[in-house]
Amino acid sequence: MTKKTLQLKAIKALKEAVRKVVEEHKHSGRRLVVWRNGKLMRIPASQVLRKAN
């Protein structure tokens, strides 16, 4: 396996993990904690925009 292939698999796995966490938080009504502009912010999962990747 090449380094690039391993990196692509890792990125894909991380994106999938984040997607699952956001969906779980939306379902349970819990807020997400994100790093934005050098600060921690708590935002409702319903406000997280879905990117097309």
Protein backbone atom coordinates (compact mmCIF):
# COMPACT_ATOMS: atom_id res chain seq x y z
CA MET A 1 0.00 0.00 0.00
CA THR A 2 1.38 3.40 -0.91
CA LYS A 3 1.59 6.32 1.47
CA LYS A 4 -0.96 8.26 -0.59
CA THR A 5 -3.42 5.37 -0.53
CA LEU A 6 -3.08 5.07 3.24
CA GLN A 7 -3.62 8.82 3.65
CA LEU A 8 -6.74 8.74 1.48
CA LYS A 9 -8.15 5.84 3.51
CA ALA A 10 -7.45 7.71 6.75
CA ILE A 11 -9.15 10.87 5.49
CA LYS A 12 -12.17 8.88 4.33
CA ALA A 13 -12.42 7.13 7.72
CA LEU A 14 -12.21 10.43 9.61
CA LYS A 15 -14.90 12.03 7.46
CA GLU A 16 -17.18 9.05 8.01
CA ALA A 17 -16.57 9.18 11.77
CA VAL A 18 -17.44 12.89 11.88
CA ARG A 19 -20.58 12.28 9.82
CA LYS A 20 -21.70 9.59 12.29
CA VAL A 21 -21.06 11.81 15.31
CA VAL A 22 -23.05 14.68 13.79
CA GLU A 23 -25.95 12.35 12.97
CA GLU A 24 -25.90 10.87 16.50
CA HIS A 25 -25.95 14.35 18.02
CA LYS A 26 -28.79 15.45 15.74
CA HIS A 27 -30.79 12.38 16.74
CA SER A 28 -30.20 12.85 20.48
CA GLY A 29 -30.47 16.66 20.48
CA ARG A 30 -26.96 17.14 21.89
CA ARG A 31 -24.76 20.06 20.91
CA LEU A 32 -21.47 19.68 19.07
CA VAL A 33 -18.27 21.28 20.33
CA VAL A 34 -16.16 22.74 17.53
CA TRP A 35 -13.03 24.86 17.28
CA ARG A 36 -13.79 28.12 15.48
CA ASN A 37 -11.66 31.28 15.31
CA GLY A 38 -9.40 30.09 18.12
CA LYS A 39 -12.25 29.34 20.52
CA LEU A 40 -14.36 26.37 21.51
CA MET A 41 -17.97 26.79 20.49
CA ARG A 42 -21.00 24.69 21.30
CA ILE A 43 -23.48 24.59 18.46
CA PRO A 44 -26.69 22.65 17.90
CA ALA A 45 -26.08 19.73 15.53
CA SER A 46 -29.01 20.98 13.44
CA GLN A 47 -26.91 24.03 12.51
CA VAL A 48 -24.05 21.99 11.06
CA LEU A 49 -24.13 22.29 7.30
CA ARG A 50 -23.59 19.20 5.23
CA LYS A 51 -20.83 19.57 2.65
CA ALA A 52 -20.95 17.78 -0.67
CA ASN A 53 -17.75 15.74 -0.94
